[in-house]
Amino acid sequence: MSEWRIQRRQARCRACERDFAEGERHASGLAVRGEELEREDLCEPCWARREHETLLHWFTRHHQDKRKLQLDLGTLEAIFLRLEGHGAARVRELRYVLALLLLRKRRIRLERVERGADGEALIVRRPRRDERLRVFVFDFAADRMAELRGELLALFEGAEIPADPTPAEAAADLAAAREG
């Protein structure tokens, strides 16, 4: 099994190397480079000028106090949905760990398990929605799962809902809010 390491949130912009001020909003993104998932944290001006696309992104705020972990389940769910259909193994691993977190927090529900030529997959659904999502299963040892969970929590620490949803995402969010 390959290593799955993503850099933690940084205290400075990766592009201009300016330190983030306390509470400053900035963009964080994940990109696939070869077989690796790479994280980058950029101030808003550098984010607007970026020269490459990211697999996904979110906005967060810089906080010096590392003891207060803030986990935004709505953002994790949005990232989980945006990763649907990506074939890279590390992206599938990330999506599997996100699915486990969302299952535990009851943001998604398990329908069934399927076994096929591609391996074992969980078929999950979001409550009150008529959609089925496939999540490939990975067999991590308990200590590896704890390590991945910790990396994931550190990765998304302080995340906010992305400020630039597509019209379809905005409509889906509005419909979900009316249902819930």
Protein backbone atom coordinates (compact mmCIF):
# COMPACT_ATOMS: atom_id res chain seq x y z
CA MET A 1 0.00 0.00 0.00
CA SER A 2 1.32 3.45 -0.86
CA GLU A 3 1.81 6.21 1.68
CA TRP A 4 -1.01 8.72 1.92
CA ARG A 5 0.46 11.95 3.24
CA ILE A 6 -0.97 15.37 2.63
CA GLN A 7 0.69 18.44 4.02
CA ARG A 8 -1.09 20.19 6.91
CA ARG A 9 -2.51 23.67 6.61
CA GLN A 10 0.32 26.17 6.39
CA ALA A 11 0.65 29.52 8.16
CA ARG A 12 1.76 31.26 4.97
CA CYS A 13 0.79 31.56 1.32
CA ARG A 14 2.51 28.96 -0.85
CA ALA A 15 2.84 31.40 -3.77
CA CYS A 16 3.89 34.74 -2.25
CA GLU A 17 5.13 33.32 1.09
CA ARG A 18 3.34 36.02 3.10
CA ASP A 19 2.29 34.91 6.61
CA PHE A 20 -1.47 34.73 7.14
CA ALA A 21 -2.88 37.09 9.76
CA GLU A 22 -4.97 35.68 12.62
CA GLY A 23 -8.46 34.93 11.27
CA GLU A 24 -7.49 35.73 7.66
CA ARG A 25 -9.57 33.92 5.04
CA HIS A 26 -7.56 31.98 2.48
CA ALA A 27 -8.04 29.17 -0.03
CA SER A 28 -6.87 25.62 0.43
CA GLY A 29 -6.85 23.16 -2.42
CA LEU A 30 -5.92 19.62 -3.36
CA ALA A 31 -4.39 18.74 -6.69
CA VAL A 32 -3.31 15.40 -8.13
CA ARG A 33 0.29 15.59 -9.33
CA GLY A 34 1.29 12.22 -10.76
CA GLU A 35 0.14 9.74 -8.13
CA GLU A 36 0.35 12.23 -5.27
CA LEU A 37 -2.29 14.42 -3.65
CA GLU A 38 -0.79 17.82 -2.85
CA ARG A 39 -2.27 20.54 -0.70
CA GLU A 40 -1.68 24.22 -1.24
CA ASP A 41 -2.75 27.17 0.87
CA LEU A 42 -3.00 30.49 -0.95
CA CYS A 43 -4.00 34.01 0.09
CA GLU A 44 -7.04 35.29 -1.79
CA PRO A 45 -5.05 37.45 -4.28
CA CYS A 46 -2.76 34.52 -5.17
CA TRP A 47 -5.78 32.18 -5.40
CA ALA A 48 -7.35 34.52 -7.96
CA ARG A 49 -4.11 34.46 -10.02
CA ARG A 50 -3.38 30.72 -9.76
CA GLU A 51 -2.10 29.12 -12.95
CA HIS A 52 -3.39 25.57 -12.53
CA GLU A 53 -6.60 23.79 -11.61
CA THR A 54 -7.15 22.00 -8.35
CA LEU A 55 -9.09 18.79 -7.85
CA LEU A 56 -11.11 20.55 -5.19
CA HIS A 57 -10.83 23.60 -3.00
CA TRP A 58 -12.37 25.18 0.06
CA PHE A 59 -11.92 28.35 2.06
CA THR A 60 -10.64 28.42 5.59
CA ARG A 61 -9.36 30.88 8.17
CA HIS A 62 -5.96 30.91 9.78
CA HIS A 63 -5.93 30.42 13.55
CA GLN A 64 -2.85 30.18 15.72
CA ASP A 65 -4.61 28.13 18.44
CA LYS A 66 -4.11 24.53 17.26
CA ARG A 67 -6.09 23.04 20.17
CA LYS A 68 -9.47 24.05 18.77
CA LEU A 69 -10.37 21.75 15.88
CA GLN A 70 -13.36 22.88 13.87
CA LEU A 71 -14.86 20.31 11.54
CA ASP A 72 -17.51 21.53 9.12
CA LEU A 73 -19.55 18.46 8.14
CA GLY A 74 -21.31 20.36 5.35
CA THR A 75 -17.98 21.12 3.71
CA LEU A 76 -16.77 17.54 4.16
CA GLU A 77 -19.97 16.32 2.53
CA ALA A 78 -19.54 18.77 -0.37
CA ILE A 79 -15.96 17.59 -0.89
CA PHE A 80 -17.10 13.94 -0.70
CA LEU A 81 -19.64 14.64 -3.46
CA ARG A 82 -17.13 16.51 -5.65
CA LEU A 83 -14.74 13.55 -5.52
CA GLU A 84 -17.36 11.25 -7.07
CA GLY A 85 -16.02 9.52 -10.16
CA HIS A 86 -12.32 10.34 -9.75
CA GLY A 87 -10.24 7.27 -10.48
CA ALA A 88 -6.90 8.02 -8.80
CA ALA A 89 -6.23 5.55 -5.96
CA ARG A 90 -5.32 8.25 -3.45
CA VAL A 91 -8.46 10.21 -4.25
CA ARG A 92 -10.48 7.02 -3.71
CA GLU A 93 -8.70 6.50 -0.36
CA LEU A 94 -9.54 10.06 0.67
CA ARG A 95 -13.15 9.58 -0.37
CA TYR A 96 -13.37 6.31 1.60
CA VAL A 97 -12.14 7.99 4.79
CA LEU A 98 -14.56 10.88 4.20
CA ALA A 99 -17.37 8.34 3.75
CA LEU A 100 -16.50 6.66 7.05
CA LEU A 101 -16.62 10.03 8.83
CA LEU A 102 -19.91 10.95 7.17
CA LEU A 103 -21.41 7.52 7.97
CA ARG A 104 -20.46 7.94 11.62
CA LYS A 105 -22.01 11.42 11.73
CA ARG A 106 -25.11 10.09 9.85
CA ARG A 107 -24.66 12.46 6.93
CA ILE A 108 -24.80 9.43 4.60
CA ARG A 109 -26.36 5.99 5.09
CA LEU A 110 -25.16 2.58 3.98
CA GLU A 111 -27.50 0.84 1.54
CA ARG A 112 -25.43 -2.24 0.67
CA VAL A 113 -21.99 -3.59 -0.12
CA GLU A 114 -21.15 -4.72 -3.66
CA ARG A 115 -18.29 -6.93 -4.76
CA GLY A 116 -17.12 -6.81 -8.35
CA ALA A 117 -14.13 -6.82 -10.67
CA ASP A 118 -13.07 -3.38 -9.36
CA GLY A 119 -13.15 -4.61 -5.76
CA GLU A 120 -15.51 -4.05 -2.87
CA ALA A 121 -17.61 -0.88 -2.76
CA LEU A 122 -20.09 0.68 -0.37
CA ILE A 123 -23.31 1.93 -1.90
CA VAL A 124 -24.41 4.89 0.20
CA ARG A 125 -27.11 7.52 0.02
CA ARG A 126 -27.72 10.87 1.61
CA PRO A 127 -30.86 11.02 3.77
CA ARG A 128 -33.99 12.30 2.03
CA ARG A 129 -32.36 12.14 -1.40
CA ASP A 130 -32.91 9.67 -4.19
CA GLU A 131 -29.28 9.16 -5.18
CA ARG A 132 -26.86 6.31 -4.74
CA LEU A 133 -23.11 6.84 -4.47
CA ARG A 134 -20.34 4.25 -4.84
CA VAL A 135 -17.39 4.38 -2.46
CA PHE A 136 -14.54 1.92 -2.98
CA VAL A 137 -13.37 0.13 0.16
CA PHE A 138 -9.76 0.04 1.32
CA ASP A 139 -8.45 -2.35 3.96
CA PHE A 140 -6.44 -0.15 6.32
CA ALA A 141 -5.01 -1.47 9.59
CA ALA A 142 -6.54 0.20 12.67
CA ASP A 143 -3.42 2.29 13.34
CA ARG A 144 -3.26 3.36 9.69
CA MET A 145 -6.95 4.35 9.78
CA ALA A 146 -6.34 6.44 12.91
CA GLU A 147 -3.37 8.08 11.17
CA LEU A 148 -5.44 8.85 8.06
CA ARG A 149 -8.32 10.19 10.13
CA GLY A 150 -5.91 12.49 11.97
CA GLU A 151 -4.39 13.71 8.70
CA LEU A 152 -7.84 14.31 7.27
CA LEU A 153 -8.96 16.27 10.32
CA ALA A 154 -5.78 18.35 10.21
CA LEU A 155 -6.20 18.87 6.47
CA PHE A 156 -9.70 20.31 6.70
CA GLU A 157 -9.26 22.12 10.00
CA GLY A 158 -11.36 25.28 10.00
CA ALA A 159 -12.85 24.72 6.54
CA GLU A 160 -15.76 26.86 5.37
CA ILE A 161 -18.35 26.14 2.70
CA PRO A 162 -16.86 27.19 -0.68
CA ALA A 163 -17.89 30.70 -1.71
CA ASP A 164 -18.29 29.96 -5.42
CA PRO A 165 -20.78 27.10 -5.86
CA THR A 166 -22.06 26.33 -9.33
CA PRO A 167 -25.72 27.14 -10.03
CA ALA A 168 -26.56 23.41 -9.76
CA GLU A 169 -24.80 23.17 -6.37
CA ALA A 170 -26.59 26.28 -5.11
CA ALA A 171 -29.96 24.85 -6.21
CA ALA A 172 -29.18 21.50 -4.55
CA ASP A 173 -28.13 23.23 -1.32
CA LEU A 174 -31.31 25.31 -1.32
CA ALA A 175 -33.47 22.22 -1.89
CA ALA A 176 -31.64 20.35 0.90
CA ALA A 177 -32.15 23.26 3.30
CA ARG A 178 -35.89 23.27 2.57
CA GLU A 179 -36.11 19.51 3.16
CA GLY A 180 -34.02 19.46 6.34
